[in-house]
């Protein structure tokens, strides 16, 4: 059964923060379970979030909630096996709305059978290649990665 892989020991980084105001718009707000706080990127295309886990993980789902009008349009999930380069795991295409959206990365639509064998990676990168916002800003209220920890 897939469970949240984001824990207190997960390290995150983001491409930018609106006006460098990390207190109000920093990355921590994606994981604080508060529906009134968010990460707000600065302008510019190809915004991203990286997550480094305490141990390698196998990803099955990505859950993200944007602010409508500031959603990623074309996005990709990348994995890194260690000190190497990130490689593309999958592309996904969120809707431009405020609802919590789930992208099944390696499972069928019912969440049953793996479509492909997932490689365990200690680092993930979510790249928002472009945005529904003209200036390229992304606003994320919540982000979660589900899957299994590799032994």
N, C-alpha and C. Protein backbone atom coordinates (compact mmCIF):
# COMPACT_ATOMS: atom_id res chain seq x y z
N UNK A 1 0.84 -1.19 0.00
CA UNK A 1 0.00 0.00 0.00
C UNK A 1 0.88 1.24 0.00
N UNK A 2 0.57 2.16 -0.88
CA UNK A 2 1.34 3.40 -0.98
C UNK A 2 1.03 4.31 0.21
N UNK A 3 2.08 4.95 0.70
CA UNK A 3 1.92 5.92 1.78
C UNK A 3 2.77 7.14 1.47
N UNK A 4 2.57 8.20 2.22
CA UNK A 4 3.31 9.43 1.99
C UNK A 4 4.79 9.20 2.24
N UNK A 5 5.62 9.66 1.32
CA UNK A 5 7.06 9.51 1.44
C UNK A 5 7.72 10.75 2.02
N UNK A 6 6.98 11.85 2.08
CA UNK A 6 7.52 13.10 2.62
C UNK A 6 7.48 13.02 4.14
N UNK A 7 8.64 13.17 4.75
CA UNK A 7 8.74 13.11 6.20
C UNK A 7 9.60 14.27 6.70
N UNK A 8 9.79 14.35 7.99
CA UNK A 8 10.55 15.46 8.56
C UNK A 8 12.00 15.46 8.09
N UNK A 9 12.53 14.30 7.70
CA UNK A 9 13.92 14.23 7.23
C UNK A 9 14.06 14.45 5.72
N UNK A 10 12.94 14.67 5.03
CA UNK A 10 12.99 14.96 3.60
C UNK A 10 13.44 16.40 3.41
N UNK A 11 14.45 16.58 2.59
CA UNK A 11 14.95 17.92 2.31
C UNK A 11 14.36 18.40 1.00
N UNK A 12 13.90 19.65 0.98
CA UNK A 12 13.30 20.20 -0.23
C UNK A 12 14.00 21.49 -0.63
N UNK A 13 13.94 21.75 -1.92
CA UNK A 13 14.46 23.00 -2.49
C UNK A 13 13.48 23.44 -3.57
N UNK A 14 13.43 24.73 -3.81
CA UNK A 14 12.57 25.27 -4.87
C UNK A 14 13.39 26.22 -5.75
N UNK A 15 12.89 26.43 -6.96
CA UNK A 15 13.59 27.28 -7.91
C UNK A 15 13.59 28.75 -7.50
N UNK A 16 12.51 29.20 -6.89
CA UNK A 16 12.41 30.61 -6.49
C UNK A 16 11.25 30.78 -5.51
N UNK A 17 11.24 31.93 -4.85
CA UNK A 17 10.15 32.30 -3.95
C UNK A 17 9.79 33.75 -4.27
N UNK A 18 8.50 34.03 -4.37
CA UNK A 18 8.03 35.37 -4.72
C UNK A 18 8.67 36.42 -3.83
N UNK A 19 9.34 37.36 -4.43
CA UNK A 19 10.01 38.46 -3.73
C UNK A 19 10.95 37.99 -2.62
N UNK A 20 11.41 36.74 -2.71
CA UNK A 20 12.28 36.13 -1.70
C UNK A 20 11.68 36.16 -0.29
N UNK A 21 10.36 36.20 -0.22
CA UNK A 21 9.64 36.26 1.05
C UNK A 21 9.35 34.83 1.52
N UNK A 22 10.38 34.15 2.04
CA UNK A 22 10.22 32.75 2.44
C UNK A 22 9.31 32.59 3.65
N UNK A 23 9.19 33.61 4.47
CA UNK A 23 8.30 33.53 5.64
C UNK A 23 6.84 33.39 5.19
N UNK A 24 6.45 34.15 4.18
CA UNK A 24 5.07 34.12 3.73
C UNK A 24 4.82 33.11 2.61
N UNK A 25 5.82 32.88 1.73
CA UNK A 25 5.59 32.07 0.53
C UNK A 25 6.60 30.93 0.36
N UNK A 26 7.30 30.55 1.41
CA UNK A 26 8.36 29.56 1.30
C UNK A 26 7.89 28.14 1.05
N UNK A 27 8.85 27.29 0.72
CA UNK A 27 8.60 25.89 0.36
C UNK A 27 7.93 25.08 1.47
N UNK A 28 8.20 25.44 2.72
CA UNK A 28 7.64 24.68 3.85
C UNK A 28 6.12 24.66 3.83
N UNK A 29 5.52 25.67 3.21
CA UNK A 29 4.05 25.77 3.20
C UNK A 29 3.38 24.71 2.33
N UNK A 30 4.14 24.05 1.45
CA UNK A 30 3.55 22.97 0.65
C UNK A 30 3.28 21.73 1.50
N UNK A 31 3.96 21.64 2.64
CA UNK A 31 3.93 20.42 3.45
C UNK A 31 3.33 20.64 4.84
N UNK A 32 2.77 21.82 5.13
CA UNK A 32 2.32 22.13 6.48
C UNK A 32 0.86 21.79 6.76
N UNK A 33 0.16 21.22 5.79
CA UNK A 33 -1.25 20.80 5.95
C UNK A 33 -2.18 21.96 6.31
N UNK A 34 -1.77 23.18 5.96
CA UNK A 34 -2.59 24.35 6.21
C UNK A 34 -3.09 24.85 4.86
N UNK A 35 -4.40 24.82 4.65
CA UNK A 35 -4.96 25.18 3.35
C UNK A 35 -4.90 26.68 3.07
N UNK A 36 -4.40 27.47 4.01
CA UNK A 36 -4.30 28.92 3.80
C UNK A 36 -2.89 29.37 3.46
N UNK A 37 -1.91 28.46 3.46
CA UNK A 37 -0.54 28.82 3.14
C UNK A 37 -0.10 28.12 1.87
N UNK A 38 0.91 28.68 1.20
CA UNK A 38 1.34 28.11 -0.07
C UNK A 38 2.78 28.48 -0.38
N UNK A 39 3.36 27.72 -1.31
CA UNK A 39 4.61 28.14 -1.94
C UNK A 39 4.21 28.92 -3.17
N UNK A 40 4.79 30.10 -3.31
CA UNK A 40 4.53 30.95 -4.46
C UNK A 40 5.87 31.24 -5.11
N UNK A 41 6.05 30.77 -6.34
CA UNK A 41 7.31 31.01 -7.04
C UNK A 41 7.36 32.45 -7.53
N UNK A 42 8.54 32.88 -7.85
CA UNK A 42 8.69 34.16 -8.52
C UNK A 42 8.38 33.92 -9.99
N UNK A 43 8.44 34.96 -10.80
CA UNK A 43 8.14 34.77 -12.22
C UNK A 43 9.30 34.11 -12.95
N UNK A 44 8.99 33.53 -14.08
CA UNK A 44 9.99 32.86 -14.90
C UNK A 44 9.54 31.44 -15.21
N UNK A 45 9.83 31.01 -16.40
CA UNK A 45 9.39 29.68 -16.79
C UNK A 45 10.32 28.61 -16.26
N UNK A 46 9.79 27.41 -16.21
CA UNK A 46 10.48 26.22 -15.72
C UNK A 46 10.83 26.33 -14.24
N UNK A 47 9.80 26.51 -13.42
CA UNK A 47 9.97 26.46 -11.96
C UNK A 47 10.08 25.00 -11.55
N UNK A 48 10.65 24.73 -10.37
CA UNK A 48 10.84 23.34 -9.95
C UNK A 48 10.87 23.20 -8.43
N UNK A 49 10.66 21.96 -7.99
CA UNK A 49 10.77 21.56 -6.59
C UNK A 49 11.60 20.29 -6.57
N UNK A 50 12.61 20.21 -5.71
CA UNK A 50 13.35 18.97 -5.54
C UNK A 50 13.11 18.44 -4.14
N UNK A 51 13.10 17.12 -4.04
CA UNK A 51 12.94 16.43 -2.76
C UNK A 51 14.04 15.40 -2.63
N UNK A 52 14.73 15.43 -1.50
CA UNK A 52 15.76 14.43 -1.23
C UNK A 52 15.33 13.66 0.01
N UNK A 53 15.14 12.37 -0.17
CA UNK A 53 14.61 11.50 0.88
C UNK A 53 15.75 10.87 1.67
N UNK A 54 15.50 10.49 2.93
CA UNK A 54 16.55 9.87 3.73
C UNK A 54 16.97 8.49 3.22
N UNK A 55 16.13 7.86 2.40
CA UNK A 55 16.46 6.59 1.78
C UNK A 55 15.77 6.53 0.43
N UNK A 56 16.23 5.70 -0.49
CA UNK A 56 15.60 5.62 -1.82
C UNK A 56 14.11 5.25 -1.72
N UNK A 57 13.35 5.78 -2.68
CA UNK A 57 11.90 5.57 -2.70
C UNK A 57 11.46 5.13 -4.09
N UNK A 58 10.33 4.41 -4.13
CA UNK A 58 9.65 4.05 -5.37
C UNK A 58 8.34 4.82 -5.39
N UNK A 59 8.19 5.70 -6.35
CA UNK A 59 7.03 6.59 -6.43
C UNK A 59 5.90 5.94 -7.20
N UNK A 60 4.68 6.10 -6.67
CA UNK A 60 3.51 5.62 -7.40
C UNK A 60 2.50 6.73 -7.67
N UNK A 61 2.45 7.75 -6.82
CA UNK A 61 1.49 8.84 -7.01
C UNK A 61 2.11 10.17 -6.63
N UNK A 62 1.63 11.20 -7.28
CA UNK A 62 1.98 12.57 -6.95
C UNK A 62 0.68 13.32 -6.72
N UNK A 63 0.55 13.99 -5.58
CA UNK A 63 -0.64 14.78 -5.28
C UNK A 63 -0.23 16.24 -5.18
N UNK A 64 -0.95 17.09 -5.90
CA UNK A 64 -0.62 18.51 -5.88
C UNK A 64 -1.90 19.34 -5.95
N UNK A 65 -1.89 20.45 -5.22
CA UNK A 65 -3.01 21.38 -5.26
C UNK A 65 -2.46 22.76 -5.59
N UNK A 66 -2.85 23.27 -6.75
CA UNK A 66 -2.44 24.59 -7.22
C UNK A 66 -3.49 25.62 -6.87
N UNK A 67 -3.14 26.89 -7.06
CA UNK A 67 -4.15 27.93 -7.12
C UNK A 67 -4.50 28.09 -8.59
N UNK A 68 -5.78 28.03 -8.91
CA UNK A 68 -6.20 28.20 -10.29
C UNK A 68 -5.65 29.50 -10.87
N UNK A 69 -5.18 29.45 -12.09
CA UNK A 69 -4.56 30.60 -12.73
C UNK A 69 -3.06 30.62 -12.55
N UNK A 70 -2.55 29.77 -11.64
CA UNK A 70 -1.11 29.68 -11.36
C UNK A 70 -0.67 28.23 -11.32
N UNK A 71 -1.25 27.42 -12.20
CA UNK A 71 -0.97 25.99 -12.25
C UNK A 71 0.12 25.68 -13.27
N UNK A 72 0.78 24.56 -13.05
CA UNK A 72 1.67 24.06 -14.07
C UNK A 72 0.83 23.49 -15.20
N UNK A 73 1.25 23.68 -16.44
CA UNK A 73 0.52 23.11 -17.58
C UNK A 73 1.18 21.82 -18.04
N UNK A 74 2.43 21.92 -18.40
CA UNK A 74 3.22 20.76 -18.78
C UNK A 74 4.25 20.55 -17.69
N UNK A 75 4.21 19.39 -17.06
CA UNK A 75 5.09 19.13 -15.92
C UNK A 75 5.78 17.78 -16.13
N UNK A 76 6.87 17.60 -15.43
CA UNK A 76 7.53 16.30 -15.48
C UNK A 76 8.08 15.97 -14.11
N UNK A 77 8.12 14.67 -13.85
CA UNK A 77 8.73 14.14 -12.65
C UNK A 77 10.03 13.49 -13.06
N UNK A 78 11.11 13.85 -12.38
CA UNK A 78 12.42 13.31 -12.67
C UNK A 78 12.96 12.62 -11.43
N UNK A 79 13.79 11.62 -11.63
CA UNK A 79 14.44 10.92 -10.53
C UNK A 79 15.95 10.94 -10.71
N UNK A 80 16.66 10.87 -9.60
CA UNK A 80 18.11 10.87 -9.64
C UNK A 80 18.60 9.72 -8.76
N UNK A 81 19.40 8.81 -9.31
CA UNK A 81 19.83 7.64 -8.56
C UNK A 81 20.89 7.92 -7.50
N UNK A 82 21.36 9.12 -7.38
CA UNK A 82 22.39 9.46 -6.39
C UNK A 82 23.08 10.73 -6.81
N UNK A 83 24.36 10.62 -7.14
CA UNK A 83 25.12 11.80 -7.54
C UNK A 83 25.03 12.08 -9.03
N UNK A 84 24.28 11.27 -9.77
CA UNK A 84 24.17 11.43 -11.22
C UNK A 84 23.20 12.53 -11.60
N UNK A 85 22.82 12.49 -12.85
CA UNK A 85 21.88 13.47 -13.39
C UNK A 85 20.45 13.00 -13.21
N UNK A 86 19.53 13.95 -13.18
CA UNK A 86 18.11 13.62 -13.14
C UNK A 86 17.69 13.10 -14.51
N UNK A 87 16.83 12.07 -14.50
CA UNK A 87 16.26 11.55 -15.73
C UNK A 87 14.74 11.56 -15.60
N UNK A 88 14.06 11.69 -16.72
CA UNK A 88 12.60 11.81 -16.71
C UNK A 88 11.96 10.48 -16.34
N UNK A 89 11.07 10.52 -15.37
CA UNK A 89 10.24 9.36 -15.01
C UNK A 89 8.95 9.40 -15.81
N UNK A 90 8.29 10.57 -15.81
CA UNK A 90 7.05 10.72 -16.55
C UNK A 90 6.71 12.19 -16.72
N UNK A 91 5.86 12.48 -17.69
CA UNK A 91 5.25 13.80 -17.85
C UNK A 91 3.84 13.72 -17.29
N UNK A 92 3.34 14.84 -16.79
CA UNK A 92 1.94 14.90 -16.37
C UNK A 92 1.41 16.29 -16.69
N UNK A 93 0.08 16.37 -16.80
CA UNK A 93 -0.55 17.58 -17.30
C UNK A 93 -1.71 17.96 -16.37
N UNK A 94 -1.43 18.74 -15.34
CA UNK A 94 -2.48 19.12 -14.37
C UNK A 94 -3.53 20.03 -15.01
N UNK A 95 -4.68 20.05 -14.39
CA UNK A 95 -5.74 20.97 -14.79
C UNK A 95 -5.51 22.30 -14.09
N UNK A 96 -6.00 23.36 -14.69
CA UNK A 96 -5.85 24.70 -14.13
C UNK A 96 -7.03 24.99 -13.20
N UNK A 97 -6.97 24.42 -11.99
CA UNK A 97 -8.03 24.65 -11.01
C UNK A 97 -7.47 24.54 -9.60
N UNK A 98 -8.35 24.68 -8.61
CA UNK A 98 -7.93 24.69 -7.21
C UNK A 98 -8.03 23.33 -6.53
N UNK A 99 -8.46 22.31 -7.22
CA UNK A 99 -8.69 21.01 -6.57
C UNK A 99 -7.40 20.22 -6.39
N UNK A 100 -7.42 19.32 -5.42
CA UNK A 100 -6.31 18.41 -5.22
C UNK A 100 -6.29 17.45 -6.40
N UNK A 101 -5.15 17.37 -7.08
CA UNK A 101 -5.03 16.53 -8.26
C UNK A 101 -4.05 15.40 -7.99
N UNK A 102 -4.41 14.22 -8.48
CA UNK A 102 -3.57 13.04 -8.26
C UNK A 102 -3.10 12.54 -9.62
N UNK A 103 -1.80 12.39 -9.75
CA UNK A 103 -1.22 11.78 -10.95
C UNK A 103 -0.70 10.42 -10.57
N UNK A 104 -1.27 9.38 -11.17
CA UNK A 104 -0.78 8.03 -10.94
C UNK A 104 0.45 7.83 -11.81
N UNK A 105 1.59 7.72 -11.20
CA UNK A 105 2.84 7.66 -11.93
C UNK A 105 3.10 6.27 -12.49
N UNK A 106 2.97 5.25 -11.67
CA UNK A 106 3.33 3.91 -12.11
C UNK A 106 2.20 2.91 -11.95
N UNK A 107 0.99 3.38 -11.73
CA UNK A 107 -0.13 2.47 -11.54
C UNK A 107 -1.20 2.76 -12.59
N UNK A 108 -2.07 1.79 -12.81
CA UNK A 108 -3.18 2.05 -13.71
C UNK A 108 -4.17 2.99 -13.02
N UNK A 109 -5.22 3.40 -13.70
CA UNK A 109 -6.15 4.38 -13.16
C UNK A 109 -6.89 3.91 -11.92
N UNK A 110 -6.99 2.62 -11.72
CA UNK A 110 -7.63 2.10 -10.52
C UNK A 110 -6.62 1.92 -9.40
N UNK A 111 -5.35 2.20 -9.67
CA UNK A 111 -4.33 2.07 -8.64
C UNK A 111 -3.93 0.64 -8.39
N UNK A 112 -4.14 -0.25 -9.36
CA UNK A 112 -3.93 -1.67 -9.12
C UNK A 112 -2.57 -2.21 -9.52
N UNK A 113 -2.32 -2.31 -10.78
CA UNK A 113 -1.15 -3.04 -11.24
C UNK A 113 -0.08 -2.09 -11.76
N UNK A 114 1.16 -2.31 -11.40
CA UNK A 114 2.22 -1.45 -11.92
C UNK A 114 2.30 -1.54 -13.44
N UNK A 115 2.38 -0.40 -14.07
CA UNK A 115 2.55 -0.36 -15.52
C UNK A 115 3.99 -0.68 -15.87
N UNK A 116 4.90 -0.19 -15.08
CA UNK A 116 6.32 -0.46 -15.28
C UNK A 116 6.99 -0.61 -13.92
N UNK A 117 8.11 -1.24 -13.89
CA UNK A 117 8.83 -1.42 -12.64
C UNK A 117 9.49 -0.10 -12.25
N UNK A 118 9.21 0.38 -11.07
CA UNK A 118 9.76 1.64 -10.60
C UNK A 118 11.18 1.43 -10.08
N UNK A 119 12.05 2.33 -10.46
CA UNK A 119 13.40 2.31 -9.91
C UNK A 119 13.39 3.10 -8.61
N UNK A 120 14.13 2.64 -7.64
CA UNK A 120 14.24 3.36 -6.37
C UNK A 120 15.24 4.50 -6.54
N UNK A 121 14.82 5.70 -6.15
CA UNK A 121 15.67 6.88 -6.25
C UNK A 121 15.62 7.67 -4.95
N UNK A 122 16.74 8.25 -4.52
CA UNK A 122 16.73 9.07 -3.31
C UNK A 122 16.34 10.53 -3.56
N UNK A 123 16.33 10.96 -4.83
CA UNK A 123 16.02 12.35 -5.16
C UNK A 123 14.98 12.42 -6.26
N UNK A 124 14.03 13.34 -6.09
CA UNK A 124 13.01 13.61 -7.10
C UNK A 124 13.00 15.09 -7.43
N UNK A 125 12.63 15.38 -8.66
CA UNK A 125 12.48 16.77 -9.08
C UNK A 125 11.18 16.89 -9.86
N UNK A 126 10.35 17.83 -9.45
CA UNK A 126 9.11 18.12 -10.16
C UNK A 126 9.36 19.43 -10.91
N UNK A 127 9.29 19.37 -12.22
CA UNK A 127 9.56 20.53 -13.05
C UNK A 127 8.25 21.01 -13.66
N UNK A 128 7.94 22.28 -13.41
CA UNK A 128 6.77 22.91 -14.01
C UNK A 128 7.30 23.66 -15.23
N UNK A 129 7.25 23.00 -16.39
CA UNK A 129 7.87 23.54 -17.60
C UNK A 129 7.25 24.86 -18.02
N UNK A 130 5.95 24.98 -17.83
CA UNK A 130 5.28 26.24 -18.11
C UNK A 130 4.08 26.36 -17.18
N UNK A 131 3.51 27.54 -17.15
CA UNK A 131 2.46 27.86 -16.19
C UNK A 131 1.25 28.44 -16.90
N UNK A 132 0.09 28.35 -16.26
CA UNK A 132 -1.10 29.00 -16.80
C UNK A 132 -1.03 30.51 -16.57
N UNK A 133 -0.09 30.96 -15.73
CA UNK A 133 0.13 32.38 -15.49
C UNK A 133 1.04 32.94 -16.58
N UNK A 134 0.70 34.08 -17.12
CA UNK A 134 1.48 34.70 -18.20
C UNK A 134 2.94 34.92 -17.81
N UNK A 135 3.20 35.19 -16.53
CA UNK A 135 4.56 35.48 -16.08
C UNK A 135 5.32 34.25 -15.60
N UNK A 136 4.66 33.08 -15.63
CA UNK A 136 5.33 31.84 -15.27
C UNK A 136 5.33 31.52 -13.79
N UNK A 137 4.52 32.22 -13.01
CA UNK A 137 4.46 31.94 -11.57
C UNK A 137 3.66 30.66 -11.30
N UNK A 138 4.07 29.94 -10.26
CA UNK A 138 3.39 28.73 -9.81
C UNK A 138 3.01 28.94 -8.35
N UNK A 139 1.79 28.54 -7.98
CA UNK A 139 1.36 28.59 -6.58
C UNK A 139 0.87 27.20 -6.20
N UNK A 140 1.53 26.59 -5.19
CA UNK A 140 1.20 25.25 -4.73
C UNK A 140 0.80 25.31 -3.27
N UNK A 141 -0.43 24.86 -2.98
CA UNK A 141 -0.93 24.81 -1.60
C UNK A 141 -0.52 23.53 -0.91
N UNK A 142 -0.49 22.43 -1.63
CA UNK A 142 -0.04 21.18 -1.02
C UNK A 142 0.61 20.30 -2.07
N UNK A 143 1.59 19.54 -1.60
CA UNK A 143 2.32 18.61 -2.46
C UNK A 143 2.64 17.38 -1.63
N UNK A 144 2.39 16.22 -2.20
CA UNK A 144 2.72 14.97 -1.52
C UNK A 144 3.14 13.94 -2.56
N UNK A 145 4.06 13.11 -2.16
CA UNK A 145 4.54 12.01 -2.99
C UNK A 145 4.18 10.72 -2.26
N UNK A 146 3.51 9.80 -2.94
CA UNK A 146 3.15 8.53 -2.35
C UNK A 146 3.91 7.41 -3.04
N UNK A 147 4.16 6.37 -2.29
CA UNK A 147 4.86 5.21 -2.82
C UNK A 147 5.39 4.36 -1.70
N UNK A 148 6.55 3.74 -1.95
CA UNK A 148 7.15 2.85 -0.95
C UNK A 148 8.61 3.22 -0.75
N UNK A 149 9.07 3.03 0.46
CA UNK A 149 10.49 3.19 0.74
C UNK A 149 11.21 1.92 0.36
N UNK A 150 12.33 2.07 -0.34
CA UNK A 150 13.12 0.90 -0.74
C UNK A 150 13.92 0.41 0.47
N UNK A 151 14.06 -0.87 0.56
CA UNK A 151 14.81 -1.44 1.69
C UNK A 151 16.26 -1.60 1.37
